[in-house]
Amino acid sequence: MEKSFVQRDKRMGQGFKQSILSKSNITEIISILVVILFLYTGLSKLIDISIFRKQIGESPILEPIAPLIAWGLPLLEFIISLLLITPRYRLKGLYASLFLMIIFTLYVAVLMIFETNLPCSCGGIIELLSWKDHLIFNISYIILIIIGIILYRKNIVVYQTD
């Protein structure tokens, strides 16, 4: 039996090979993308914590809990990142990141409807996105995370022909 990245799969016959894009590899890639996003935004928020806290305080929705969010959100992003890089807890990390991205997306949608002049407090270069771009960016990540969850749960393998 071959031990290379591309192995014959007996279930699919001799005409198919298992691709290096297995469900496990795709899930890992998606997890890495989410980790990069959360570590980057979390660090950006902490580096400019006073600005981040001020921007959150300008939101009528978040103003009452701005100090809690200022420290809690980056911490949550770091915890989710740890879950995602730990294979045993990856699925929990994917669900947690999906939940957080849905909350971010709902928040952006509410801002787009009711209050378009608020500053973005996302952190780093992501702050430069328009609210519409934020929505598209967040929805893209939500789709990626859902794909990661499905592949992880169903043990789907991507096949290619010889």
N, C-alpha and C. Protein backbone atom coordinates (compact mmCIF):
# COMPACT_ATOMS: atom_id res chain seq x y z
N MET A 1 0.85 -1.19 0.00
CA MET A 1 0.00 0.00 0.00
C MET A 1 0.89 1.24 0.00
N GLU A 2 0.54 2.20 -0.82
CA GLU A 2 1.30 3.45 -0.88
C GLU A 2 1.16 4.22 0.43
N LYS A 3 2.24 4.87 0.84
CA LYS A 3 2.20 5.69 2.05
C LYS A 3 2.39 7.17 1.71
N SER A 4 2.22 7.52 0.47
CA SER A 4 2.37 8.91 0.05
C SER A 4 1.10 9.69 0.35
N PHE A 5 1.12 10.98 0.01
CA PHE A 5 -0.04 11.82 0.24
C PHE A 5 -1.24 11.36 -0.58
N VAL A 6 -0.99 10.78 -1.73
CA VAL A 6 -2.08 10.31 -2.58
C VAL A 6 -2.10 8.80 -2.48
N GLN A 7 -3.17 8.23 -1.92
CA GLN A 7 -3.29 6.80 -1.74
C GLN A 7 -4.53 6.28 -2.45
N ARG A 8 -4.43 5.03 -2.91
CA ARG A 8 -5.58 4.40 -3.53
C ARG A 8 -6.64 4.14 -2.47
N ASP A 9 -7.87 4.37 -2.82
CA ASP A 9 -8.97 4.10 -1.90
C ASP A 9 -9.72 2.90 -2.44
N LYS A 10 -9.71 1.80 -1.70
CA LYS A 10 -10.34 0.56 -2.13
C LYS A 10 -11.84 0.71 -2.31
N ARG A 11 -12.47 1.62 -1.53
CA ARG A 11 -13.92 1.80 -1.64
C ARG A 11 -14.31 2.38 -3.00
N MET A 12 -13.44 3.14 -3.60
CA MET A 12 -13.80 3.82 -4.85
C MET A 12 -13.22 3.10 -6.06
N GLY A 13 -12.52 1.99 -5.89
CA GLY A 13 -11.96 1.25 -7.02
C GLY A 13 -10.63 1.84 -7.44
N GLN A 14 -10.09 1.30 -8.50
CA GLN A 14 -8.76 1.71 -8.97
C GLN A 14 -8.79 3.03 -9.72
N GLY A 15 -9.95 3.52 -10.09
CA GLY A 15 -10.05 4.74 -10.88
C GLY A 15 -9.93 6.03 -10.08
N PHE A 16 -9.93 5.94 -8.77
CA PHE A 16 -9.89 7.13 -7.94
C PHE A 16 -8.72 7.08 -6.98
N LYS A 17 -8.22 8.24 -6.64
CA LYS A 17 -7.19 8.37 -5.61
C LYS A 17 -7.68 9.35 -4.56
N GLN A 18 -7.27 9.11 -3.32
CA GLN A 18 -7.61 10.04 -2.25
C GLN A 18 -6.72 11.27 -2.40
N SER A 19 -7.31 12.41 -2.47
CA SER A 19 -6.57 13.65 -2.64
C SER A 19 -5.94 14.08 -1.32
N ILE A 20 -4.88 14.89 -1.41
CA ILE A 20 -4.30 15.46 -0.20
C ILE A 20 -5.27 16.45 0.42
N LEU A 21 -6.32 16.78 -0.30
CA LEU A 21 -7.36 17.65 0.27
C LEU A 21 -8.41 16.79 0.96
N SER A 22 -8.00 16.03 1.94
CA SER A 22 -8.93 15.22 2.70
C SER A 22 -9.76 16.12 3.61
N LYS A 23 -10.80 15.56 4.18
CA LYS A 23 -11.65 16.35 5.09
C LYS A 23 -10.82 16.89 6.23
N SER A 24 -9.87 16.10 6.68
CA SER A 24 -9.02 16.52 7.79
C SER A 24 -8.16 17.72 7.40
N ASN A 25 -7.56 17.67 6.22
CA ASN A 25 -6.70 18.77 5.77
C ASN A 25 -7.50 20.04 5.50
N ILE A 26 -8.67 19.89 4.90
CA ILE A 26 -9.51 21.06 4.63
C ILE A 26 -9.97 21.68 5.95
N THR A 27 -10.36 20.84 6.90
CA THR A 27 -10.77 21.35 8.21
C THR A 27 -9.62 22.07 8.90
N GLU A 28 -8.41 21.52 8.78
CA GLU A 28 -7.24 22.18 9.38
C GLU A 28 -6.98 23.53 8.73
N ILE A 29 -7.09 23.61 7.41
CA ILE A 29 -6.86 24.87 6.69
C ILE A 29 -7.89 25.91 7.14
N ILE A 30 -9.15 25.50 7.21
CA ILE A 30 -10.21 26.42 7.66
C ILE A 30 -9.93 26.87 9.09
N SER A 31 -9.55 25.93 9.94
CA SER A 31 -9.23 26.27 11.33
C SER A 31 -8.07 27.26 11.41
N ILE A 32 -7.06 27.06 10.60
CA ILE A 32 -5.91 27.97 10.59
C ILE A 32 -6.33 29.37 10.14
N LEU A 33 -7.19 29.44 9.14
CA LEU A 33 -7.68 30.75 8.68
C LEU A 33 -8.43 31.48 9.80
N VAL A 34 -9.24 30.76 10.54
CA VAL A 34 -9.99 31.37 11.65
C VAL A 34 -9.03 31.77 12.77
N VAL A 35 -8.05 30.93 13.05
CA VAL A 35 -7.05 31.25 14.08
C VAL A 35 -6.30 32.52 13.71
N ILE A 36 -5.88 32.62 12.46
CA ILE A 36 -5.17 33.82 12.00
C ILE A 36 -6.05 35.06 12.19
N LEU A 37 -7.31 34.96 11.78
CA LEU A 37 -8.24 36.07 11.94
C LEU A 37 -8.39 36.47 13.40
N PHE A 38 -8.67 35.50 14.27
CA PHE A 38 -8.92 35.80 15.68
C PHE A 38 -7.67 36.28 16.41
N LEU A 39 -6.52 35.69 16.11
CA LEU A 39 -5.29 36.15 16.76
C LEU A 39 -4.93 37.57 16.31
N TYR A 40 -5.09 37.82 15.02
CA TYR A 40 -4.79 39.15 14.48
C TYR A 40 -5.70 40.22 15.07
N THR A 41 -7.00 39.97 15.04
CA THR A 41 -7.93 40.98 15.56
C THR A 41 -7.83 41.10 17.08
N GLY A 42 -7.65 39.97 17.75
CA GLY A 42 -7.51 40.01 19.21
C GLY A 42 -6.28 40.80 19.65
N LEU A 43 -5.15 40.54 19.00
CA LEU A 43 -3.93 41.29 19.32
C LEU A 43 -4.08 42.76 18.98
N SER A 44 -4.69 43.05 17.84
CA SER A 44 -4.90 44.45 17.45
C SER A 44 -5.75 45.19 18.47
N LYS A 45 -6.77 44.52 18.97
CA LYS A 45 -7.63 45.14 19.98
C LYS A 45 -6.87 45.41 21.27
N LEU A 46 -6.05 44.45 21.69
CA LEU A 46 -5.31 44.62 22.94
C LEU A 46 -4.19 45.65 22.82
N ILE A 47 -3.58 45.73 21.66
CA ILE A 47 -2.51 46.72 21.45
C ILE A 47 -3.06 48.13 21.59
N ASP A 48 -4.26 48.35 21.07
CA ASP A 48 -4.93 49.66 21.16
C ASP A 48 -6.16 49.55 22.05
N ILE A 49 -6.01 48.98 23.23
CA ILE A 49 -7.16 48.69 24.10
C ILE A 49 -7.96 49.94 24.45
N SER A 50 -7.28 51.08 24.65
CA SER A 50 -8.02 52.30 25.01
C SER A 50 -8.87 52.78 23.85
N ILE A 51 -8.34 52.69 22.64
CA ILE A 51 -9.12 53.07 21.45
C ILE A 51 -10.27 52.09 21.25
N PHE A 52 -9.97 50.80 21.42
CA PHE A 52 -11.00 49.78 21.26
C PHE A 52 -12.14 50.00 22.25
N ARG A 53 -11.80 50.26 23.50
CA ARG A 53 -12.82 50.50 24.54
C ARG A 53 -13.65 51.74 24.20
N LYS A 54 -12.98 52.80 23.72
CA LYS A 54 -13.67 54.05 23.36
C LYS A 54 -14.64 53.80 22.20
N GLN A 55 -14.19 53.06 21.18
CA GLN A 55 -15.04 52.78 20.03
C GLN A 55 -16.25 51.95 20.42
N ILE A 56 -16.04 50.96 21.28
CA ILE A 56 -17.17 50.16 21.74
C ILE A 56 -18.16 51.02 22.53
N GLY A 57 -17.62 51.93 23.33
CA GLY A 57 -18.45 52.81 24.14
C GLY A 57 -19.31 53.75 23.31
N GLU A 58 -18.93 53.98 22.05
CA GLU A 58 -19.72 54.84 21.16
C GLU A 58 -20.94 54.13 20.59
N SER A 59 -20.97 52.83 20.71
CA SER A 59 -22.12 52.06 20.22
C SER A 59 -23.22 52.06 21.27
N PRO A 60 -24.42 52.51 20.89
CA PRO A 60 -25.51 52.51 21.87
C PRO A 60 -25.87 51.10 22.36
N ILE A 61 -25.60 50.11 21.55
CA ILE A 61 -25.89 48.73 21.92
C ILE A 61 -24.88 48.22 22.95
N LEU A 62 -23.61 48.56 22.76
CA LEU A 62 -22.54 47.98 23.58
C LEU A 62 -22.04 48.89 24.71
N GLU A 63 -22.46 50.14 24.71
CA GLU A 63 -21.94 51.10 25.69
C GLU A 63 -22.01 50.62 27.14
N PRO A 64 -23.13 50.02 27.57
CA PRO A 64 -23.20 49.61 28.98
C PRO A 64 -22.19 48.53 29.37
N ILE A 65 -21.76 47.73 28.41
CA ILE A 65 -20.84 46.64 28.72
C ILE A 65 -19.48 46.79 28.03
N ALA A 66 -19.15 48.01 27.63
CA ALA A 66 -17.91 48.26 26.90
C ALA A 66 -16.65 47.78 27.63
N PRO A 67 -16.47 48.05 28.93
CA PRO A 67 -15.25 47.56 29.60
C PRO A 67 -15.13 46.03 29.58
N LEU A 68 -16.26 45.35 29.76
CA LEU A 68 -16.26 43.89 29.74
C LEU A 68 -15.88 43.38 28.35
N ILE A 69 -16.45 43.95 27.32
CA ILE A 69 -16.17 43.53 25.95
C ILE A 69 -14.72 43.85 25.57
N ALA A 70 -14.21 44.99 26.04
CA ALA A 70 -12.86 45.40 25.68
C ALA A 70 -11.82 44.35 26.06
N TRP A 71 -12.00 43.71 27.20
CA TRP A 71 -11.07 42.66 27.62
C TRP A 71 -11.58 41.27 27.28
N GLY A 72 -12.89 41.07 27.35
CA GLY A 72 -13.47 39.75 27.16
C GLY A 72 -13.42 39.25 25.73
N LEU A 73 -13.66 40.13 24.76
CA LEU A 73 -13.69 39.69 23.38
C LEU A 73 -12.33 39.20 22.89
N PRO A 74 -11.24 39.95 23.10
CA PRO A 74 -9.94 39.40 22.69
C PRO A 74 -9.61 38.09 23.41
N LEU A 75 -9.95 38.01 24.69
CA LEU A 75 -9.71 36.77 25.44
C LEU A 75 -10.49 35.61 24.83
N LEU A 76 -11.74 35.86 24.47
CA LEU A 76 -12.57 34.83 23.84
C LEU A 76 -11.97 34.41 22.50
N GLU A 77 -11.50 35.37 21.71
CA GLU A 77 -10.87 35.05 20.43
C GLU A 77 -9.63 34.17 20.63
N PHE A 78 -8.85 34.44 21.69
CA PHE A 78 -7.66 33.63 21.97
C PHE A 78 -8.05 32.22 22.43
N ILE A 79 -9.07 32.12 23.26
CA ILE A 79 -9.53 30.81 23.74
C ILE A 79 -10.04 29.96 22.57
N ILE A 80 -10.82 30.58 21.70
CA ILE A 80 -11.32 29.85 20.52
C ILE A 80 -10.16 29.42 19.64
N SER A 81 -9.16 30.27 19.49
CA SER A 81 -7.97 29.90 18.71
C SER A 81 -7.28 28.68 19.29
N LEU A 82 -7.17 28.63 20.62
CA LEU A 82 -6.57 27.45 21.28
C LEU A 82 -7.40 26.19 21.00
N LEU A 83 -8.71 26.31 21.05
CA LEU A 83 -9.57 25.17 20.74
C LEU A 83 -9.33 24.69 19.31
N LEU A 84 -9.21 25.64 18.39
CA LEU A 84 -9.05 25.29 16.98
C LEU A 84 -7.71 24.63 16.67
N ILE A 85 -6.67 24.97 17.39
CA ILE A 85 -5.35 24.37 17.11
C ILE A 85 -5.14 23.06 17.88
N THR A 86 -6.08 22.72 18.74
CA THR A 86 -6.00 21.47 19.48
C THR A 86 -6.93 20.47 18.81
N PRO A 87 -6.38 19.44 18.15
CA PRO A 87 -7.24 18.51 17.40
C PRO A 87 -8.40 17.94 18.21
N ARG A 88 -8.18 17.65 19.46
CA ARG A 88 -9.23 17.06 20.31
C ARG A 88 -10.42 18.01 20.48
N TYR A 89 -10.16 19.32 20.46
CA TYR A 89 -11.21 20.32 20.70
C TYR A 89 -11.57 21.13 19.45
N ARG A 90 -11.07 20.69 18.29
CA ARG A 90 -11.28 21.47 17.06
C ARG A 90 -12.75 21.66 16.74
N LEU A 91 -13.56 20.63 16.86
CA LEU A 91 -14.98 20.77 16.53
C LEU A 91 -15.65 21.79 17.45
N LYS A 92 -15.33 21.75 18.74
CA LYS A 92 -15.86 22.75 19.67
C LYS A 92 -15.39 24.14 19.27
N GLY A 93 -14.15 24.26 18.83
CA GLY A 93 -13.63 25.54 18.37
C GLY A 93 -14.34 26.03 17.12
N LEU A 94 -14.66 25.11 16.22
CA LEU A 94 -15.40 25.50 15.01
C LEU A 94 -16.80 26.00 15.36
N TYR A 95 -17.47 25.29 16.27
CA TYR A 95 -18.79 25.75 16.70
C TYR A 95 -18.71 27.10 17.42
N ALA A 96 -17.72 27.27 18.28
CA ALA A 96 -17.57 28.54 19.00
C ALA A 96 -17.26 29.67 18.03
N SER A 97 -16.40 29.41 17.04
CA SER A 97 -16.08 30.47 16.08
C SER A 97 -17.28 30.78 15.20
N LEU A 98 -18.07 29.77 14.86
CA LEU A 98 -19.30 30.01 14.09
C LEU A 98 -20.25 30.90 14.88
N PHE A 99 -20.45 30.58 16.16
CA PHE A 99 -21.32 31.37 17.02
C PHE A 99 -20.82 32.82 17.09
N LEU A 100 -19.53 33.01 17.31
CA LEU A 100 -18.98 34.35 17.42
C LEU A 100 -19.10 35.12 16.10
N MET A 101 -18.84 34.47 14.99
CA MET A 101 -18.95 35.14 13.69
C MET A 101 -20.41 35.50 13.38
N ILE A 102 -21.35 34.66 13.79
CA ILE A 102 -22.76 34.99 13.59
C ILE A 102 -23.13 36.22 14.42
N ILE A 103 -22.64 36.28 15.66
CA ILE A 103 -22.91 37.44 16.49
C ILE A 103 -22.31 38.70 15.87
N PHE A 104 -21.05 38.60 15.41
CA PHE A 104 -20.42 39.75 14.73
C PHE A 104 -21.25 40.19 13.54
N THR A 105 -21.71 39.23 12.75
CA THR A 105 -22.46 39.53 11.53
C THR A 105 -23.80 40.18 11.86
N LEU A 106 -24.49 39.68 12.85
CA LEU A 106 -25.75 40.30 13.28
C LEU A 106 -25.52 41.73 13.76
N TYR A 107 -24.45 41.93 14.51
CA TYR A 107 -24.11 43.26 15.00
C TYR A 107 -23.86 44.22 13.83
N VAL A 108 -23.09 43.76 12.83
CA VAL A 108 -22.82 44.59 11.65
C VAL A 108 -24.12 44.90 10.91
N ALA A 109 -24.99 43.90 10.77
CA ALA A 109 -26.27 44.11 10.08
C ALA A 109 -27.12 45.15 10.81
N VAL A 110 -27.16 45.07 12.14
CA VAL A 110 -27.92 46.05 12.92
C VAL A 110 -27.33 47.44 12.73
N LEU A 111 -26.01 47.54 12.75
CA LEU A 111 -25.36 48.84 12.54
C LEU A 111 -25.67 49.40 11.16
N MET A 112 -25.69 48.54 10.16
CA MET A 112 -25.98 48.99 8.80
C MET A 112 -27.41 49.53 8.69
N ILE A 113 -28.31 48.97 9.46
CA ILE A 113 -29.70 49.40 9.41
C ILE A 113 -29.93 50.67 10.21
N PHE A 114 -29.37 50.73 11.42
CA PHE A 114 -29.73 51.80 12.34
C PHE A 114 -28.68 52.88 12.55
N GLU A 115 -27.41 52.55 12.46
CA GLU A 115 -26.37 53.51 12.84
C GLU A 115 -25.13 53.30 11.96
N THR A 116 -25.07 54.02 10.84
CA THR A 116 -23.99 53.80 9.89
C THR A 116 -22.74 54.63 10.18
N ASN A 117 -22.77 55.56 11.09
CA ASN A 117 -21.63 56.44 11.33
C ASN A 117 -20.72 56.01 12.47
N LEU A 118 -20.94 54.82 13.02
CA LEU A 118 -20.09 54.36 14.11
C LEU A 118 -18.75 53.87 13.58
N PRO A 119 -17.68 54.08 14.35
CA PRO A 119 -16.37 53.56 13.91
C PRO A 119 -16.32 52.05 14.09
N CYS A 120 -15.50 51.41 13.28
CA CYS A 120 -15.31 49.97 13.41
C CYS A 120 -14.30 49.71 14.51
N SER A 121 -14.57 48.73 15.33
CA SER A 121 -13.66 48.38 16.42
C SER A 121 -13.10 46.97 16.24
N CYS A 122 -13.01 46.52 15.01
CA CYS A 122 -12.59 45.14 14.74
C CYS A 122 -11.11 44.90 15.02
N GLY A 123 -10.30 45.88 14.82
CA GLY A 123 -8.87 45.72 15.05
C GLY A 123 -8.10 45.55 13.75
N GLY A 124 -6.96 46.21 13.69
CA GLY A 124 -6.06 46.07 12.56
C GLY A 124 -6.62 46.58 11.25
N ILE A 125 -6.17 45.98 10.18
CA ILE A 125 -6.53 46.41 8.83
C ILE A 125 -8.01 46.19 8.54
N ILE A 126 -8.64 45.28 9.27
CA ILE A 126 -10.07 45.00 9.05
C ILE A 126 -10.92 46.23 9.34
N GLU A 127 -10.41 47.14 10.17
CA GLU A 127 -11.13 48.38 10.47
C GLU A 127 -11.35 49.23 9.22
N LEU A 128 -10.54 49.01 8.19
CA LEU A 128 -10.64 49.81 6.97
C LEU A 128 -11.79 49.38 6.07
N LEU A 129 -12.40 48.24 6.36
CA LEU A 129 -13.51 47.77 5.54
C LEU A 129 -14.75 48.62 5.76
N SER A 130 -15.55 48.77 4.71
CA SER A 130 -16.86 49.41 4.87
C SER A 130 -17.77 48.42 5.60
N TRP A 131 -18.92 48.90 6.06
CA TRP A 131 -19.84 48.00 6.75
C TRP A 131 -20.34 46.91 5.81
N LYS A 132 -20.56 47.24 4.55
CA LYS A 132 -20.98 46.24 3.57
C LYS A 132 -19.88 45.20 3.37
N ASP A 133 -18.63 45.66 3.29
CA ASP A 133 -17.51 44.73 3.15
C ASP A 133 -17.36 43.84 4.38
N HIS A 134 -17.63 44.41 5.56
CA HIS A 134 -17.61 43.62 6.79
C HIS A 134 -18.63 42.48 6.71
N LEU A 135 -19.81 42.82 6.24
CA LEU A 135 -20.87 41.83 6.13
C LEU A 135 -20.45 40.69 5.19
N ILE A 136 -19.90 41.04 4.04
CA ILE A 136 -19.44 40.05 3.06
C ILE A 136 -18.30 39.21 3.65
N PHE A 137 -17.35 39.87 4.30
CA PHE A 137 -16.22 39.19 4.93
C PHE A 137 -16.71 38.20 5.99
N ASN A 138 -17.60 38.65 6.86
CA ASN A 138 -18.12 37.79 7.93
C ASN A 138 -18.91 36.61 7.37
N ILE A 139 -19.76 36.86 6.39
CA ILE A 139 -20.54 35.78 5.79
C ILE A 139 -19.62 34.76 5.12
N SER A 140 -18.55 35.23 4.49
CA SER A 140 -17.58 34.32 3.88
C SER A 140 -16.95 33.41 4.92
N TYR A 141 -16.59 33.99 6.05
CA TYR A 141 -16.01 33.18 7.14
C TYR A 141 -17.05 32.22 7.72
N ILE A 142 -18.28 32.66 7.83
CA ILE A 142 -19.34 31.78 8.33
C ILE A 142 -19.49 30.57 7.41
N ILE A 143 -19.49 30.80 6.11
CA ILE A 143 -19.59 29.70 5.14
C ILE A 143 -18.40 28.75 5.28
N LEU A 144 -17.20 29.31 5.38
CA LEU A 144 -16.01 28.47 5.56
C LEU A 144 -16.11 27.61 6.82
N ILE A 145 -16.53 28.22 7.90
CA ILE A 145 -16.63 27.49 9.17
C ILE A 145 -17.69 26.39 9.07
N ILE A 146 -18.82 26.67 8.44
CA ILE A 146 -19.86 25.65 8.26
C ILE A 146 -19.31 24.49 7.43
N ILE A 147 -18.56 24.79 6.39
CA ILE A 147 -17.92 23.74 5.58
C ILE A 147 -16.99 22.91 6.47
N GLY A 148 -16.20 23.59 7.29
CA GLY A 148 -15.29 22.88 8.20
C GLY A 148 -16.04 21.96 9.15
N ILE A 149 -17.14 22.42 9.68
CA ILE A 149 -17.95 21.60 10.60
C ILE A 149 -18.52 20.39 9.88
N ILE A 150 -19.07 20.61 8.70
CA ILE A 150 -19.66 19.50 7.94
C ILE A 150 -18.59 18.46 7.61
N LEU A 151 -17.44 18.91 7.12
CA LEU A 151 -16.37 17.96 6.77
C LEU A 151 -15.86 17.22 8.01
N TYR A 152 -15.75 17.92 9.08
CA TYR A 152 -15.27 17.29 10.32
C TYR A 152 -16.26 16.23 10.81
N ARG A 153 -17.53 16.56 10.79
CA ARG A 153 -18.56 15.66 11.34
C ARG A 153 -18.85 14.47 10.45
N LYS A 154 -18.82 14.66 9.17
CA LYS A 154 -19.23 13.57 8.26
C LYS A 154 -18.04 12.80 7.70
N ASN A 155 -16.83 13.19 8.05
CA ASN A 155 -15.63 12.51 7.56
C ASN A 155 -15.62 12.35 6.05
N ILE A 156 -15.97 13.44 5.36
CA ILE A 156 -15.99 13.45 3.91
C ILE A 156 -14.57 13.56 3.38
N VAL A 157 -14.27 12.81 2.34
CA VAL A 157 -12.96 12.88 1.69
C VAL A 157 -13.19 13.36 0.27
N VAL A 158 -12.38 14.31 -0.16
CA VAL A 158 -12.47 14.84 -1.51
C VAL A 158 -11.67 13.89 -2.41
N TYR A 159 -12.28 13.43 -3.50
CA TYR A 159 -11.62 12.51 -4.40
C TYR A 159 -11.32 13.18 -5.73
N GLN A 160 -10.25 12.66 -6.36
CA GLN A 160 -9.93 13.11 -7.71
C GLN A 160 -9.71 11.89 -8.55
N THR A 161 -9.92 12.00 -9.85
CA THR A 161 -9.70 10.86 -10.75
C THR A 161 -8.22 10.79 -11.11
N ASP A 162 -7.81 9.61 -11.58
CA ASP A 162 -6.41 9.42 -12.01
C ASP A 162 -6.04 10.37 -13.11
